[in-house]
Protein backbone atom coordinates (compact mmCIF):
# COMPACT_ATOMS: atom_id res chain seq x y z
CA MET A 1 -53.13 -27.11 -30.14
CA ASP A 2 -51.14 -29.91 -28.45
CA ARG A 3 -47.59 -29.36 -27.23
CA SER A 4 -46.00 -31.43 -30.02
CA ALA A 5 -47.72 -29.31 -32.67
CA GLU A 6 -46.65 -26.12 -30.88
CA LEU A 7 -43.05 -27.32 -30.82
CA TYR A 8 -43.24 -28.17 -34.52
CA ASP A 9 -44.48 -24.65 -35.27
CA HIS A 10 -41.63 -23.19 -33.24
CA ILE A 11 -38.95 -25.31 -34.95
CA SER A 12 -40.34 -24.74 -38.44
CA ALA A 13 -40.41 -20.98 -37.79
CA VAL A 14 -36.74 -21.10 -36.75
CA ILE A 15 -35.89 -23.05 -39.91
CA ARG A 16 -37.75 -20.65 -42.18
CA ALA A 17 -35.99 -17.72 -40.54
CA SER A 18 -32.42 -19.03 -40.53
CA GLY A 19 -32.26 -22.22 -42.56
CA PRO A 20 -32.10 -25.95 -41.75
CA LEU A 21 -30.98 -26.91 -38.25
CA THR A 22 -28.05 -29.08 -37.31
CA ILE A 23 -29.03 -32.29 -35.54
CA ALA A 24 -27.48 -30.82 -32.40
CA ARG A 25 -29.66 -27.71 -32.56
CA PHE A 26 -32.72 -29.83 -33.32
CA MET A 27 -32.03 -32.04 -30.29
CA ALA A 28 -31.53 -29.00 -28.08
CA GLU A 29 -34.87 -27.53 -29.14
CA VAL A 30 -36.78 -30.79 -28.73
CA LEU A 31 -35.26 -31.78 -25.40
CA ASN A 32 -34.56 -28.46 -23.70
CA HIS A 33 -36.99 -25.81 -24.95
CA PRO A 34 -37.93 -24.02 -21.70
CA THR A 35 -41.69 -24.59 -22.01
CA LEU A 36 -42.27 -27.11 -24.79
CA GLY A 37 -39.21 -29.34 -24.49
CA TYR A 38 -39.23 -32.96 -23.42
CA TYR A 39 -37.38 -32.41 -20.14
CA ALA A 40 -39.38 -29.31 -19.24
CA ASN A 41 -42.62 -31.23 -18.88
CA ARG A 42 -42.02 -34.93 -18.33
CA ASN A 43 -40.75 -37.43 -15.81
CA PRO A 44 -39.33 -39.82 -18.43
CA ILE A 45 -37.99 -42.63 -16.23
CA GLY A 46 -39.81 -45.70 -14.96
CA LYS A 47 -42.63 -48.00 -16.03
CA MET A 48 -44.99 -45.05 -16.51
CA GLY A 49 -42.34 -43.06 -18.42
CA ASP A 50 -40.44 -43.75 -21.61
CA PHE A 51 -37.39 -45.74 -20.47
CA ILE A 52 -35.79 -47.42 -17.45
CA THR A 53 -32.16 -46.84 -16.50
CA ALA A 54 -29.82 -49.30 -14.79
CA PRO A 55 -30.22 -47.86 -11.24
CA GLU A 56 -33.99 -48.34 -11.60
CA ILE A 57 -33.59 -52.00 -12.55
CA SER A 58 -31.91 -53.16 -9.35
CA GLN A 59 -30.42 -51.83 -6.12
CA MET A 60 -27.37 -53.99 -6.91
CA TYR A 61 -26.29 -51.56 -9.59
CA GLY A 62 -26.24 -48.53 -7.30
CA GLU A 63 -24.62 -50.49 -4.47
CA LEU A 64 -21.74 -51.77 -6.60
CA ILE A 65 -21.07 -48.43 -8.28
CA SER A 66 -21.16 -46.71 -4.88
CA ALA A 67 -18.64 -49.22 -3.52
CA TRP A 68 -16.42 -48.50 -6.55
CA LEU A 69 -16.52 -44.76 -5.80
CA ILE A 70 -15.72 -45.26 -2.13
CA ASP A 71 -12.85 -47.59 -3.06
CA CYS A 72 -11.42 -44.85 -5.29
CA TRP A 73 -11.73 -42.39 -2.38
CA GLU A 74 -9.75 -44.73 -0.15
CA ARG A 75 -7.08 -45.27 -2.81
CA LEU A 76 -6.77 -41.49 -3.14
CA GLY A 77 -5.92 -41.17 0.55
CA LYS A 78 -9.42 -40.41 1.90
CA PRO A 79 -9.55 -36.69 1.03
CA ASP A 80 -11.82 -34.57 3.23
CA PRO A 81 -13.86 -32.80 2.00
CA VAL A 82 -14.74 -34.66 -1.20
CA SER A 83 -17.48 -33.98 -3.74
CA LEU A 84 -19.72 -36.70 -5.16
CA VAL A 85 -20.95 -35.49 -8.55
CA GLU A 86 -23.69 -37.17 -10.55
CA LEU A 87 -24.46 -36.00 -14.07
CA GLY A 88 -28.14 -36.45 -14.88
CA PRO A 89 -29.42 -38.06 -11.65
CA GLY A 90 -32.87 -38.94 -13.04
CA ARG A 91 -35.30 -39.75 -10.23
CA GLY A 92 -32.46 -39.82 -7.70
CA THR A 93 -32.44 -43.60 -7.39
CA PHE A 94 -28.67 -43.95 -7.65
CA ILE A 95 -28.03 -41.21 -5.09
CA ALA A 96 -30.49 -42.86 -2.69
CA ASP A 97 -28.58 -46.15 -3.02
CA PHE A 98 -25.27 -44.30 -2.79
CA TRP A 99 -26.22 -42.61 0.48
CA ARG A 100 -27.29 -45.93 2.01
CA VAL A 101 -23.88 -47.43 1.13
CA ALA A 102 -21.97 -44.27 2.15
CA GLN A 103 -23.41 -44.41 5.66
CA MET A 104 -21.67 -47.77 6.14
CA VAL A 105 -18.38 -45.81 6.00
CA PRO A 106 -18.97 -42.92 8.45
CA GLU A 107 -15.61 -41.33 7.68
CA PHE A 108 -16.67 -41.08 4.05
CA SER A 109 -20.27 -39.96 4.62
CA ASP A 110 -19.00 -37.18 6.92
CA ALA A 111 -16.54 -35.99 4.24
CA VAL A 112 -18.80 -36.11 1.19
CA ARG A 113 -20.90 -33.32 -0.32
CA ILE A 114 -23.27 -34.23 -3.15
CA TYR A 115 -23.51 -32.16 -6.34
CA LEU A 116 -26.17 -32.98 -8.92
CA LEU A 117 -26.10 -31.63 -12.46
CA GLU A 118 -29.76 -31.61 -13.46
CA GLY A 119 -31.46 -29.46 -16.08
CA SER A 120 -35.02 -30.78 -15.80
CA PRO A 121 -37.18 -28.77 -13.37
CA VAL A 122 -39.55 -31.74 -13.08
CA LEU A 123 -36.81 -34.16 -12.06
CA ARG A 124 -35.04 -31.64 -9.84
CA LYS A 125 -38.22 -31.14 -7.81
CA GLN A 126 -38.68 -34.89 -7.46
CA GLN A 127 -35.04 -35.36 -6.40
CA LYS A 128 -35.30 -32.67 -3.70
CA GLN A 129 -38.44 -34.21 -2.25
CA ARG A 130 -36.90 -37.67 -2.21
CA PHE A 131 -33.63 -36.64 -0.57
CA GLU A 132 -35.36 -34.52 2.07
CA MET A 133 -37.54 -37.51 2.94
CA LEU A 134 -34.41 -39.73 3.20
CA GLY A 135 -32.72 -37.19 5.47
CA PHE A 136 -29.75 -35.95 3.47
CA GLY A 137 -31.20 -33.00 1.57
CA ASP A 138 -28.85 -30.66 3.43
CA LYS A 139 -25.85 -32.42 1.87
CA THR A 140 -27.12 -31.95 -1.67
CA ILE A 141 -26.46 -29.05 -4.06
CA TRP A 142 -27.91 -28.70 -7.56
CA VAL A 143 -25.94 -27.14 -10.42
CA THR A 144 -26.62 -26.53 -14.10
CA GLU A 145 -23.02 -26.60 -15.38
CA PHE A 146 -20.00 -28.71 -14.49
CA LYS A 147 -17.88 -25.60 -13.97
CA GLU A 148 -19.95 -24.85 -10.84
CA ILE A 149 -18.36 -27.84 -9.07
CA PRO A 150 -15.71 -26.56 -6.61
CA ASP A 151 -12.02 -27.30 -7.18
CA ILE A 152 -11.67 -29.91 -4.44
CA PRO A 153 -11.20 -33.71 -4.72
CA PHE A 154 -14.21 -35.25 -6.43
CA LEU A 155 -15.81 -38.51 -7.50
CA LEU A 156 -18.07 -38.37 -10.55
CA PHE A 157 -20.65 -40.77 -11.94
CA ALA A 158 -22.62 -40.44 -15.17
CA ASN A 159 -25.12 -43.09 -16.26
CA GLU A 160 -26.96 -42.50 -19.55
CA PHE A 161 -26.01 -38.82 -19.52
CA PHE A 162 -23.66 -38.54 -22.49
CA ASP A 163 -26.13 -40.27 -24.84
CA ALA A 164 -28.53 -37.34 -24.38
CA LEU A 165 -25.98 -34.68 -25.34
CA PRO A 166 -26.50 -33.12 -28.79
CA VAL A 167 -24.71 -34.72 -31.73
CA HIS A 168 -23.75 -33.60 -35.21
CA GLN A 169 -24.14 -35.98 -38.14
CA PHE A 170 -22.12 -36.00 -41.35
CA VAL A 171 -22.33 -37.65 -44.75
CA ASN A 172 -19.30 -38.32 -46.93
CA VAL A 173 -19.97 -36.89 -50.40
CA ASN A 174 -17.15 -37.50 -52.88
CA GLY A 175 -14.57 -37.64 -50.11
CA LYS A 176 -15.79 -34.47 -48.37
CA TRP A 177 -17.84 -34.31 -45.18
CA ARG A 178 -21.17 -32.51 -45.37
CA GLU A 179 -23.43 -32.03 -42.39
CA ARG A 180 -26.82 -33.72 -42.12
CA LEU A 181 -29.53 -31.21 -41.23
CA VAL A 182 -33.23 -31.01 -40.35
CA ASP A 183 -35.51 -29.04 -42.67
CA VAL A 184 -39.23 -28.54 -43.23
CA ASP A 185 -40.81 -30.88 -45.75
CA PRO A 186 -40.40 -29.34 -49.24
CA ASN A 187 -43.75 -30.75 -50.38
CA GLY A 188 -45.70 -28.56 -47.97
CA HIS A 189 -46.61 -31.30 -45.54
CA LYS A 190 -46.50 -30.31 -41.89
CA GLU A 191 -43.50 -32.53 -41.30
CA LEU A 192 -39.73 -32.36 -40.90
CA CYS A 193 -37.15 -34.15 -43.02
CA TYR A 194 -33.40 -34.74 -43.27
CA VAL A 195 -31.28 -32.91 -45.84
CA VAL A 196 -27.55 -32.66 -46.51
CA ALA A 197 -25.77 -29.30 -46.41
CA PRO A 198 -24.67 -28.08 -49.85
CA HIS A 199 -21.15 -27.21 -48.69
CA THR A 200 -18.29 -29.05 -46.98
CA THR A 201 -18.31 -28.70 -43.20
CA THR A 202 -15.78 -26.45 -41.48
CA MET A 203 -16.36 -27.72 -37.91
CA PRO A 204 -12.97 -27.64 -36.12
CA LEU A 205 -13.77 -30.67 -33.93
CA LEU A 206 -14.06 -32.83 -37.03
CA LYS A 207 -10.31 -33.39 -36.72
CA TYR A 208 -11.11 -35.61 -33.73
CA ALA A 209 -13.30 -37.89 -35.85
CA SER A 210 -12.74 -41.63 -35.69
CA GLU A 211 -10.32 -43.01 -38.26
CA ALA A 212 -12.83 -45.82 -38.84
CA ALA A 213 -15.50 -43.44 -40.15
CA GLY A 214 -17.05 -44.61 -43.42
CA LYS A 215 -19.77 -42.89 -45.43
CA THR A 216 -21.56 -41.48 -42.41
CA MET A 217 -20.39 -40.20 -39.04
CA GLU A 218 -21.88 -38.93 -35.79
CA MET A 219 -20.05 -36.99 -33.10
CA SER A 220 -20.84 -35.04 -29.95
CA PRO A 221 -18.69 -31.93 -29.48
CA ALA A 222 -20.49 -31.32 -26.18
CA GLY A 223 -19.49 -34.77 -24.92
CA ILE A 224 -15.90 -34.36 -26.12
CA LEU A 225 -15.49 -30.94 -24.50
CA LEU A 226 -17.11 -32.05 -21.22
CA THR A 227 -14.77 -35.05 -21.03
CA GLU A 228 -11.76 -32.81 -21.61
CA THR A 229 -13.02 -30.43 -18.90
CA ILE A 230 -13.47 -33.28 -16.40
CA SER A 231 -9.98 -34.59 -17.23
CA GLU A 232 -8.37 -31.18 -16.87
CA LYS A 233 -10.03 -30.81 -13.45
CA LEU A 234 -8.62 -34.22 -12.46
CA CYS A 235 -5.17 -32.80 -13.22
CA ARG A 236 -5.77 -29.96 -10.74
CA VAL A 237 -7.37 -31.98 -7.93
CA CYS A 238 -7.38 -35.70 -7.18
CA GLY A 239 -10.41 -37.75 -8.10
CA ALA A 240 -12.05 -40.31 -10.34
CA ALA A 241 -14.92 -40.39 -12.83
CA LEU A 242 -16.97 -43.33 -14.07
CA ILE A 243 -19.05 -43.01 -17.25
CA VAL A 244 -21.51 -45.77 -18.22
CA ASP A 245 -23.63 -45.44 -21.33
CA PHE A 246 -25.05 -46.95 -24.49
CA GLY A 247 -22.28 -47.32 -27.04
CA LEU A 248 -21.60 -48.63 -30.55
CA ALA A 249 -18.42 -50.05 -32.01
CA SER A 250 -18.55 -47.73 -35.04
CA PRO A 251 -19.50 -44.03 -35.18
CA SER A 252 -22.47 -44.54 -37.54
CA LEU A 253 -25.72 -42.57 -37.38
CA SER A 254 -27.55 -43.69 -34.25
CA LEU A 255 -29.97 -40.92 -33.27
CA GLN A 256 -33.12 -42.53 -31.90
CA ALA A 257 -36.37 -41.54 -30.24
CA VAL A 258 -38.08 -43.53 -27.48
CA MET A 259 -41.64 -43.10 -26.26
CA SER A 260 -43.45 -45.44 -23.87
CA HIS A 261 -40.51 -47.88 -24.06
CA SER A 262 -40.70 -48.18 -27.86
CA THR A 263 -38.61 -46.56 -30.57
CA CYS A 264 -40.17 -44.07 -32.97
CA ASP A 265 -39.17 -41.56 -35.64
CA PRO A 266 -36.96 -38.80 -34.13
CA LEU A 267 -38.69 -36.23 -36.35
CA MET A 268 -42.13 -37.11 -34.99
CA ASN A 269 -43.78 -36.73 -31.56
CA LEU A 270 -41.71 -33.63 -30.87
CA GLY A 271 -41.31 -33.00 -27.15
CA LEU A 272 -43.13 -36.24 -26.31
CA ALA A 273 -40.30 -38.68 -27.07
CA ASP A 274 -36.79 -38.86 -25.65
CA LEU A 275 -33.90 -38.37 -28.08
CA SER A 276 -30.52 -40.04 -27.62
CA SER A 277 -27.59 -41.41 -29.60
CA ALA A 278 -24.84 -43.94 -29.03
CA VAL A 279 -21.76 -42.70 -27.20
CA ASP A 280 -18.43 -42.90 -29.04
CA PHE A 281 -16.25 -44.18 -26.19
CA GLY A 282 -13.17 -44.00 -28.38
CA ALA A 283 -13.74 -40.26 -28.76
CA LEU A 284 -14.23 -39.87 -24.99
CA ARG A 285 -11.04 -41.81 -24.31
CA ARG A 286 -9.03 -39.62 -26.67
CA ALA A 287 -10.53 -36.48 -25.09
CA ALA A 288 -9.56 -37.67 -21.61
CA VAL A 289 -5.99 -38.33 -22.76
CA ARG A 290 -5.80 -34.84 -24.25
CA GLY A 291 -7.00 -33.50 -20.90
CA GLY A 292 -4.03 -35.16 -19.19
CA ALA A 293 -5.86 -37.75 -17.06
CA ARG A 294 -5.43 -41.51 -16.74
CA VAL A 295 -8.01 -43.50 -18.71
CA TYR A 296 -9.23 -47.05 -18.12
CA GLY A 297 -11.43 -49.01 -20.52
CA PRO A 298 -13.85 -49.05 -22.08
CA VAL A 299 -15.15 -52.34 -20.73
CA SER A 300 -18.67 -53.69 -21.04
CA GLN A 301 -21.19 -53.04 -18.28
CA GLY A 302 -21.57 -56.78 -17.79
CA LYS A 303 -17.84 -57.31 -17.28
CA LEU A 304 -17.59 -54.33 -14.92
CA LEU A 305 -20.50 -55.43 -12.72
CA ARG A 306 -19.28 -59.04 -12.56
CA SER A 307 -15.81 -57.89 -11.55
CA LEU A 308 -17.35 -55.70 -8.84
CA GLY A 309 -19.24 -58.67 -7.39
CA ILE A 310 -22.77 -58.70 -8.75
CA GLU A 311 -22.90 -62.51 -8.69
CA GLN A 312 -22.02 -62.58 -5.00
CA ARG A 313 -24.41 -59.73 -4.18
CA SER A 314 -27.32 -61.38 -6.01
CA SER A 315 -26.63 -64.63 -4.14
CA GLN A 316 -26.84 -62.75 -0.84
CA LEU A 317 -30.12 -61.10 -1.78
CA VAL A 318 -31.91 -64.27 -2.92
CA MET A 319 -31.15 -65.97 0.40
CA SER A 320 -33.29 -63.46 2.32
CA VAL A 321 -36.38 -63.17 0.08
CA ASP A 322 -39.22 -65.39 -1.08
CA HIS A 323 -39.23 -67.33 -4.35
CA GLU A 324 -40.89 -64.60 -6.45
CA GLU A 325 -38.57 -61.86 -5.20
CA ALA A 326 -35.58 -64.15 -5.75
CA ARG A 327 -36.70 -64.64 -9.36
CA LEU A 328 -36.83 -60.86 -9.83
CA VAL A 329 -33.32 -60.47 -8.37
CA ILE A 330 -31.89 -63.00 -10.84
CA GLN A 331 -33.87 -61.49 -13.70
CA SER A 332 -32.55 -58.01 -12.87
CA LYS A 333 -28.96 -59.27 -12.66
CA GLU A 334 -29.28 -60.89 -16.09
CA ARG A 335 -30.80 -57.77 -17.57
CA LEU A 336 -27.84 -55.71 -16.34
CA THR A 337 -25.09 -58.16 -17.32
CA ASP A 338 -26.23 -60.52 -20.08
CA VAL A 339 -24.98 -59.84 -23.62
CA ALA A 340 -28.55 -60.24 -24.88
CA PHE A 341 -29.66 -57.24 -22.79
CA MET A 342 -27.54 -54.39 -21.38
CA GLY A 343 -24.38 -56.33 -20.58
CA GLN A 344 -22.57 -55.70 -23.86
CA LEU A 345 -24.58 -52.86 -25.35
CA PHE A 346 -23.62 -50.57 -22.46
CA GLN A 347 -19.96 -49.68 -21.99
CA SER A 348 -17.99 -48.04 -19.18
CA ILE A 349 -14.88 -45.91 -18.96
CA ALA A 350 -12.97 -44.65 -15.92
CA ILE A 351 -11.02 -41.38 -15.91
CA THR A 352 -8.80 -40.56 -12.94
CA SER A 353 -6.11 -38.23 -11.72
CA ARG A 354 -2.53 -39.34 -12.42
CA SER A 355 -2.09 -40.26 -8.75
CA LEU A 356 -4.48 -43.22 -9.07
CA PRO A 357 -2.57 -46.06 -10.81
CA HIS A 358 -5.33 -48.67 -10.52
CA VAL A 359 -9.12 -48.86 -10.18
CA ALA A 360 -11.36 -51.85 -9.58
CA GLY A 361 -12.96 -53.49 -12.60
CA PHE A 362 -10.51 -52.15 -15.19
CA ASP A 363 -7.15 -53.30 -16.48
CA SER A 364 -4.20 -50.93 -16.20
CA PRO A 365 -4.23 -48.20 -18.88
């Protein structure tokens, strides 16, 4: 029996024992089951994986974000020690770029300690090997929960992390919200299907739902609570956080599955396809405000990278490479910034301690 069929049998057994699953529980089983889950067995990033993230597209991305983090450190008075936290570091590409930039500011590289929140054993092993080869493995600590980060000044970066957090989906039935669930196919086919709960939801976090919600709604309590936790920590110690992710203007149903760089049915290919959903940046902003921090944005990824100097950096790079490599530099820049690609679809938000009245790339809050 293949792994996808095994995972189906596991999920269907859970459903038959305790009833249909919330979308959040379904995502957790598919992505994080300890032996059958997507992240337990796969290296999902890169040409041979299922998707490519911004740090993998060009070194310019990691360089500019790293410069933004170091600029925040300087504006905060150069605290020493300082933690650099990345949520979901993937193959470690951003951290490799970050360390190269950090070494240009010895005072910063001496002060920084790197904390990586990574749940995938496959990716964690790859990250350790990469960082040891690059010579800074002794500066790196892996954690499984944000609360493990020490209460000292910190800089945080999260790229395509919040879109992988579990979401709940709701359908408006006669003015009342009912939760959308995953059930086994009632016709006896070995498949899963969506159903709507028979009763009105009682989820407390629904009070934080967007006022623009229509007939359907999607929200991530995990993302909301994590943002509040980060913001509350920024009220105790100085620091800054930058979140960049796939976002939508309205909180409609957006759960998607990606396998081999193509979308597919989220209820199929269990454990073989990545699951993600659009991030509600309005909800994150409101959560950060409740946590007591300053909030900047959201602004589009394209606008952020242009304001941080991607045009100038790409011009520098093309001057020192041959024609084919120069074409790839320009192509990568356009992919990151153009509205037809990631430039508008991806959004960014900055959350900082109250002591930081301005950050690069964002208007005043």
